[in-house]
Amino acid sequence: RQIIKLGPDIIKSIYLGCNTKNEKIVEIAYNIRKLSLDNVKLFKMNRLQNGGLRATSIDISKIEGSFMHAEAYLKKRFKYYW
């Protein structure tokens, strides 16, 4: 594993797959806020009845209440990076 440092203006949007669990969404949203990537938009793909896909925007401010749990989990799981 190698860390690649990118400028904050490089990432514009993050698209998550249909099967992404809510815990993972909170972790990613937490990291977006922690890294001050305020211009990054977060989307989750949803399956349509006709077999297609639609990207649904995720409002990070609505899930900020879950960040406390995400931080504790990430610190425990990735001790090396903290």
Protein backbone atom coordinates (compact mmCIF):
# COMPACT_ATOMS: atom_id res chain seq x y z
CA ARG A 1 0.00 0.00 0.00
CA GLN A 2 1.20 3.42 -0.87
CA ILE A 3 -0.27 6.80 0.00
CA ILE A 4 -0.51 9.22 -2.89
CA LYS A 5 -0.97 12.85 -1.89
CA LEU A 6 -3.34 14.79 -4.12
CA GLY A 7 -4.37 18.41 -4.00
CA PRO A 8 -7.89 19.15 -2.71
CA ASP A 9 -8.99 20.37 -6.13
CA ILE A 10 -8.28 17.04 -7.87
CA ILE A 11 -11.30 15.09 -6.59
CA LYS A 12 -14.66 16.48 -7.76
CA SER A 13 -17.07 13.61 -7.01
CA ILE A 14 -17.10 10.20 -5.40
CA TYR A 15 -19.56 7.57 -6.66
CA LEU A 16 -20.36 4.63 -4.41
CA GLY A 17 -21.78 1.35 -5.65
CA CYS A 18 -25.31 0.04 -5.09
CA ASN A 19 -24.22 -2.37 -2.37
CA THR A 20 -22.21 0.11 -0.31
CA LYS A 21 -23.19 -0.23 3.34
CA ASN A 22 -24.26 2.79 5.37
CA GLU A 23 -21.27 2.42 7.70
CA LYS A 24 -18.90 2.75 4.75
CA ILE A 25 -20.79 5.82 3.49
CA VAL A 26 -20.38 7.47 6.91
CA GLU A 27 -16.64 6.65 6.93
CA ILE A 28 -16.15 8.20 3.50
CA ALA A 29 -18.22 11.27 4.38
CA TYR A 30 -16.23 11.65 7.61
CA ASN A 31 -12.96 11.61 5.68
CA ILE A 32 -14.30 14.16 3.19
CA ARG A 33 -15.05 16.53 6.07
CA LYS A 34 -11.84 15.77 7.97
CA LEU A 35 -9.75 16.52 4.89
CA SER A 36 -11.74 19.73 4.24
CA LEU A 37 -12.79 18.58 0.79
CA ASP A 38 -15.84 20.84 0.85
CA ASN A 39 -16.26 20.87 -2.93
CA VAL A 40 -16.40 17.07 -3.25
CA LYS A 41 -19.85 15.70 -4.03
CA LEU A 42 -20.84 12.24 -2.77
CA PHE A 43 -23.20 9.98 -4.73
CA LYS A 44 -24.59 6.48 -4.28
CA MET A 45 -25.72 4.44 -7.25
CA ASN A 46 -29.22 2.94 -7.10
CA ARG A 47 -30.71 0.26 -9.35
CA LEU A 48 -33.76 1.18 -11.40
CA GLN A 49 -36.58 -1.24 -12.19
CA ASN A 50 -35.61 -1.23 -15.87
CA GLY A 51 -32.12 -2.51 -14.99
CA GLY A 52 -30.42 0.86 -15.25
CA LEU A 53 -28.61 2.87 -12.61
CA ARG A 54 -29.17 6.32 -11.15
CA ALA A 55 -26.78 8.33 -9.03
CA THR A 56 -28.40 9.81 -5.92
CA SER A 57 -26.65 12.68 -4.16
CA ILE A 58 -25.82 12.20 -0.46
CA ASP A 59 -26.09 15.27 1.76
CA ILE A 60 -23.10 14.94 4.09
CA SER A 61 -24.51 17.45 6.58
CA LYS A 62 -27.41 15.06 7.29
CA ILE A 63 -25.11 12.24 8.43
CA GLU A 64 -22.60 14.29 10.45
CA GLY A 65 -24.20 13.03 13.67
CA SER A 66 -22.69 9.61 12.95
CA PHE A 67 -19.15 10.94 12.62
CA MET A 68 -18.25 10.36 16.27
CA HIS A 69 -18.70 6.61 15.80
CA ALA A 70 -16.83 6.67 12.50
CA GLU A 71 -13.80 8.36 14.04
CA ALA A 72 -13.57 5.82 16.86
CA TYR A 73 -13.89 2.94 14.39
CA LEU A 74 -11.27 4.36 12.02
CA LYS A 75 -8.79 5.00 14.83
CA LYS A 76 -9.19 1.42 16.02
CA ARG A 77 -8.95 -0.12 12.56
CA PHE A 78 -6.14 2.04 11.15
CA LYS A 79 -3.91 2.66 14.16
CA TYR A 80 -0.92 2.97 11.85
CA TYR A 81 -2.25 6.13 10.18
CA TRP A 82 -3.27 7.96 13.37
